[in-house]
C-alpha cells in the first residue's frame, strides 16, 4: 500500500513538472517577435556567410520574423528556406519566451578549391559536394590542372580533407596539380621540388611515406637537392636529382 502511494505521488510530481515546464517555457503566441538572434556556430572556421547576410536573405524572402506575431512565425519554413542556400549545411530555428526567435547556422566547410583548366572555379566541401565560389577568402589548398567534377568529388575531396586535417601537410602543401593522365603532384611550400603521388590510389599511404622521407632524409641531404620526389610506387620513394 505504501509503495502504491509513493508511486502515485511520484507520477503526480512528474505530471506537474511536465506541465510547469511546458507552461512556463512556451512562448506566448499572442506576443510579437521582439528580437531575432542569429548565430553562425562555426564562424571561427570560415566566414562564408554571416548573421547580416542571413537576415538579408530572410527579409528578401519575407520570412524575417521581427515584428510578426509569434503564432504566425513558421520555424520549419525558415529552416527549409535557409537550407536551400549552397553555403549552409544546417539551420535550426526555434521560438523562445519574451518574443525571441533564435536561428542557428552551420556553414558548409570547403577542403579544396578547384581551378581547372576548363575554366571551372569552385570548392569541394568536407562532405565531397561542390560549393560555388564565394566572395570570402577560404584558407584551403588550391588544385589546378585537368580536373573534372567527378575526379574532384572522388579523389581531390579525400586528398584535400587529409591535408587539412594533418598539420604537417597543411603547412607544407602549396598547391595540388593534376596532369592530363590523372596523376597528382604536390607543390610544397618548403623546397622547390615536385612531389609526385601518381594515380589517385592509396593517397594517404603515399603521403605517410613522403612524410617519413622528409623527416628522416631531407634535413640531412638538403631541401633543394632533388627536382622530383615520387611516392607513386608502393613502399618506396624515388628521387630525381637536379
Protein backbone atom coordinates (compact mmCIF):
# COMPACT_ATOMS: atom_id res chain seq x y z
CA UNK A 1 0.00 0.00 0.00
CA UNK A 2 2.82 2.39 0.88
CA UNK A 3 4.56 1.60 -2.38
CA UNK A 4 1.35 2.37 -4.31
CA UNK A 5 1.00 5.73 -2.56
CA UNK A 6 4.64 6.57 -3.35
CA UNK A 7 4.11 5.64 -6.98
CA UNK A 8 1.00 7.84 -7.22
CA UNK A 9 2.86 10.77 -5.62
CA UNK A 10 5.82 10.27 -7.97
CA UNK A 11 3.54 10.24 -11.01
CA UNK A 12 1.86 13.39 -9.73
CA UNK A 13 5.19 15.14 -9.38
CA UNK A 14 6.21 14.11 -12.91
CA UNK A 15 2.93 15.32 -14.40
CA UNK A 16 3.28 18.65 -12.58
CA UNK A 17 6.89 19.11 -13.75
CA UNK A 18 5.96 18.40 -17.37
CA UNK A 19 3.04 20.85 -17.11
CA UNK A 20 5.16 23.51 -15.46
CA UNK A 21 8.00 23.17 -17.98
CA UNK A 22 5.59 23.37 -20.90
CA UNK A 23 3.55 26.20 -19.43
CA UNK A 24 6.35 28.47 -18.34
CA UNK A 25 8.81 27.87 -21.19
CA UNK A 26 6.41 28.05 -24.12
CA UNK A 27 6.41 31.46 -25.81
CA UNK A 28 3.22 33.44 -25.58
CA UNK A 29 1.81 33.13 -29.09
CA UNK A 30 -0.12 36.41 -28.64
CA UNK A 31 3.17 38.30 -28.47
CA UNK A 32 5.04 39.73 -31.42
CA UNK A 33 8.65 38.91 -32.18
CA UNK A 34 10.84 41.43 -30.35
CA UNK A 35 14.27 40.07 -31.27
CA UNK A 36 15.90 37.77 -33.80
CA UNK A 37 19.14 36.15 -32.64
CA UNK A 38 21.22 34.69 -35.49
CA UNK A 39 24.33 32.68 -34.58
CA UNK A 40 26.86 31.21 -37.02
CA UNK A 41 28.20 28.36 -34.91
CA UNK A 42 31.40 27.77 -36.90
CA UNK A 43 32.29 31.39 -37.70
CA UNK A 44 35.79 30.81 -36.30
CA UNK A 45 36.44 28.20 -39.01
CA UNK A 46 35.02 30.06 -42.01
CA UNK A 47 33.30 33.30 -42.93
CA UNK A 48 31.27 32.39 -45.99
CA UNK A 49 28.06 33.73 -44.54
CA UNK A 50 27.35 35.99 -41.57
CA UNK A 51 24.34 36.99 -39.48
CA UNK A 52 23.70 40.11 -41.55
CA UNK A 53 23.57 38.08 -44.75
CA UNK A 54 21.17 35.56 -43.19
CA UNK A 55 18.92 38.41 -42.05
CA UNK A 56 19.01 39.94 -45.54
CA UNK A 57 18.06 36.63 -47.16
CA UNK A 58 15.11 36.23 -44.80
CA UNK A 59 13.96 39.80 -45.38
CA UNK A 60 14.13 39.38 -49.16
CA UNK A 61 12.03 36.22 -48.90
CA UNK A 62 9.58 37.89 -46.46
CA UNK A 63 10.39 35.32 -43.77
CA UNK A 64 12.17 37.65 -41.35
CA UNK A 65 10.32 37.23 -38.01
CA UNK A 66 10.88 40.62 -36.36
CA UNK A 67 7.59 42.40 -35.59
CA UNK A 68 5.42 39.45 -36.58
CA UNK A 69 3.00 37.64 -34.32
CA UNK A 70 4.75 34.65 -32.76
CA UNK A 71 1.85 32.42 -33.80
CA UNK A 72 2.45 33.33 -37.45
CA UNK A 73 6.17 32.54 -37.43
CA UNK A 74 6.91 29.20 -39.11
CA UNK A 75 10.28 27.99 -37.87
CA UNK A 76 10.27 24.97 -40.18
CA UNK A 77 9.70 27.16 -43.24
CA UNK A 78 12.63 29.35 -42.20
CA UNK A 79 14.86 26.30 -41.79
CA UNK A 80 13.87 24.84 -45.16
CA UNK A 81 14.46 28.15 -46.91
CA UNK A 82 17.94 28.61 -45.40
CA UNK A 83 18.95 25.02 -46.25
CA UNK A 84 18.45 25.84 -49.94
CA UNK A 85 21.42 28.18 -49.70
CA UNK A 86 24.54 26.41 -51.08
CA UNK A 87 26.70 27.82 -48.26
CA UNK A 88 24.58 26.48 -45.39
CA UNK A 89 24.89 22.90 -44.09
CA UNK A 90 22.49 23.10 -41.14
CA UNK A 91 19.82 25.55 -39.95
CA UNK A 92 17.79 25.41 -36.73
CA UNK A 93 15.05 27.92 -35.86
CA UNK A 94 13.05 27.97 -32.62
CA UNK A 95 10.93 30.40 -30.61
CA UNK A 96 11.79 31.41 -27.06
CA UNK A 97 9.97 33.23 -24.24
CA UNK A 98 9.93 37.02 -24.39
CA UNK A 99 9.16 37.19 -28.10
CA UNK A 100 12.56 35.96 -29.27
CA UNK A 101 13.33 33.85 -32.33
CA UNK A 102 16.70 32.06 -32.36
CA UNK A 103 18.35 30.90 -35.57
CA UNK A 104 21.47 28.74 -35.51
CA UNK A 105 23.50 28.24 -38.70
CA UNK A 106 26.31 25.82 -39.52
CA UNK A 107 28.22 26.52 -42.73
CA UNK A 108 29.45 24.13 -45.36
CA UNK A 109 33.23 23.98 -44.94
CA UNK A 110 35.49 23.62 -48.01
CA UNK A 111 38.58 21.41 -48.06
CA UNK A 112 39.95 22.25 -51.52
CA UNK A 113 39.45 24.91 -54.19
CA UNK A 114 39.34 23.68 -57.78
CA UNK A 115 40.71 25.93 -60.52
CA UNK A 116 40.54 23.60 -63.50
CA UNK A 117 41.99 24.00 -66.98
CA UNK A 118 38.45 24.07 -68.40
CA UNK A 119 37.81 27.36 -66.57
CA UNK A 120 35.72 25.99 -63.71
CA UNK A 121 36.35 27.55 -60.31
CA UNK A 122 34.59 26.10 -57.25
CA UNK A 123 35.10 24.47 -53.86
CA UNK A 124 34.67 20.89 -52.67
CA UNK A 125 33.33 20.75 -49.11
CA UNK A 126 34.10 18.29 -46.31
CA UNK A 127 31.24 16.06 -47.45
CA UNK A 128 32.52 15.75 -51.01
CA UNK A 129 29.93 18.10 -52.54
CA UNK A 130 30.52 21.01 -54.91
CA UNK A 131 30.26 24.51 -53.46
CA UNK A 132 30.09 27.66 -55.58
CA UNK A 133 32.91 30.16 -55.48
CA UNK A 134 32.18 32.76 -52.81
CA UNK A 135 33.27 36.32 -52.19
CA UNK A 136 35.05 35.47 -48.95
CA UNK A 137 38.56 34.05 -48.82
CA UNK A 138 38.95 30.40 -47.83
CA UNK A 139 42.24 29.15 -46.42
CA UNK A 140 42.29 25.85 -48.32
CA UNK A 141 44.70 24.26 -50.77
CA UNK A 142 44.20 25.05 -54.46
CA UNK A 143 44.06 22.26 -57.06
CA UNK A 144 44.79 23.08 -60.71
CA UNK A 145 45.05 21.15 -63.93
CA UNK A 146 43.00 18.60 -65.81
CA UNK A 147 40.17 18.19 -63.28
CA UNK A 148 36.60 17.09 -63.94
CA UNK A 149 33.92 17.47 -61.27
CA UNK A 150 33.71 13.69 -60.90
CA UNK A 151 37.50 13.48 -60.36
CA UNK A 152 37.34 16.30 -57.81
CA UNK A 153 34.50 14.69 -55.83
CA UNK A 154 36.01 11.19 -55.90
CA UNK A 155 39.70 11.91 -55.33
CA UNK A 156 40.62 15.51 -54.52
CA UNK A 157 37.94 15.62 -51.82
CA UNK A 158 39.71 12.86 -49.88
CA UNK A 159 43.15 14.33 -50.52
CA UNK A 160 42.07 17.83 -49.51
CA UNK A 161 40.38 16.57 -46.36
CA UNK A 162 43.50 14.63 -45.36
CA UNK A 163 45.79 17.61 -46.00
CA UNK A 164 43.52 19.91 -43.99
CA UNK A 165 43.40 17.51 -41.02
CA UNK A 166 47.16 16.83 -40.95
CA UNK A 167 49.17 19.78 -39.51
CA UNK A 168 52.33 18.70 -41.37
CA UNK A 169 50.76 18.56 -44.83
CA UNK A 170 48.51 21.53 -44.16
CA UNK A 171 51.63 23.62 -43.54
CA UNK A 172 53.67 22.02 -46.32
CA UNK A 173 51.21 21.95 -49.24
CA UNK A 174 51.18 24.99 -51.52
CA UNK A 175 49.26 23.54 -54.44
CA UNK A 176 47.90 20.34 -55.97
CA UNK A 177 48.22 19.76 -59.72
CA UNK A 178 46.59 17.07 -61.86
CA UNK A 179 48.13 16.24 -65.26
CA UNK A 180 46.12 15.09 -68.32
CA UNK A 181 46.72 11.44 -67.37
CA UNK A 182 45.14 11.95 -63.94
CA UNK A 183 48.41 11.84 -61.98
CA UNK A 184 48.61 14.01 -58.87
CA UNK A 185 51.51 16.29 -57.99
CA UNK A 186 52.03 18.45 -54.92
CA UNK A 187 53.92 21.74 -54.95
CA UNK A 188 55.39 22.17 -51.45
CA UNK A 189 55.87 25.43 -49.56
CA UNK A 190 59.41 24.48 -48.49
CA UNK A 191 61.85 23.49 -51.24
CA UNK A 192 61.36 23.75 -55.00
CA UNK A 193 60.96 20.05 -55.77
CA UNK A 194 57.75 18.46 -57.08
CA UNK A 195 56.14 15.67 -55.03
CA UNK A 196 54.53 13.03 -57.22
CA UNK A 197 51.70 10.81 -55.93
CA UNK A 198 50.91 9.22 -59.29
CA UNK A 199 47.41 7.85 -59.78
CA UNK A 200 44.80 8.75 -57.10
CA UNK A 201 45.05 5.46 -55.20
CA UNK A 202 46.35 4.84 -51.65
CA UNK A 203 46.89 8.58 -51.30
CA UNK A 204 47.05 8.56 -47.50
CA UNK A 205 49.72 5.82 -47.55
CA UNK A 206 51.74 7.70 -50.16
CA UNK A 207 51.64 10.86 -48.03
CA UNK A 208 52.75 8.87 -44.98
CA UNK A 209 55.73 7.52 -46.96
CA UNK A 210 56.64 11.01 -48.16
CA UNK A 211 56.41 12.40 -44.66
CA UNK A 212 58.71 9.65 -43.33
CA UNK A 213 61.22 10.51 -46.07
CA UNK A 214 61.02 14.20 -45.21
CA UNK A 215 61.60 13.57 -41.52
CA UNK A 216 64.47 11.10 -42.00
CA UNK A 217 66.29 12.32 -45.07
CA UNK A 218 65.55 15.88 -46.13
CA UNK A 219 67.21 17.59 -43.20
CA UNK A 220 70.34 15.56 -43.97
CA UNK A 221 70.57 15.80 -47.76
CA UNK A 222 69.08 19.29 -48.02
CA UNK A 223 65.77 20.66 -49.27
CA UNK A 224 66.98 21.61 -52.75
CA UNK A 225 68.96 18.57 -53.85
CA UNK A 226 66.12 16.92 -55.77
CA UNK A 227 63.95 18.16 -58.59
CA UNK A 228 61.32 15.49 -58.11
CA UNK A 229 60.37 13.11 -55.28
CA UNK A 230 57.95 10.33 -56.20
CA UNK A 231 55.85 8.15 -53.91
CA UNK A 232 53.99 6.67 -56.89
CA UNK A 233 55.28 3.16 -56.29
CA UNK A 234 54.39 1.03 -53.28
CA UNK A 235 56.60 1.39 -50.21
CA UNK A 236 59.43 3.22 -51.95
CA UNK A 237 60.49 6.77 -52.62
CA UNK A 238 62.18 7.57 -55.95
CA UNK A 239 64.15 10.82 -56.15
CA UNK A 240 65.38 12.63 -59.24
CA UNK A 241 68.39 14.87 -58.71
CA UNK A 242 68.60 18.32 -60.22
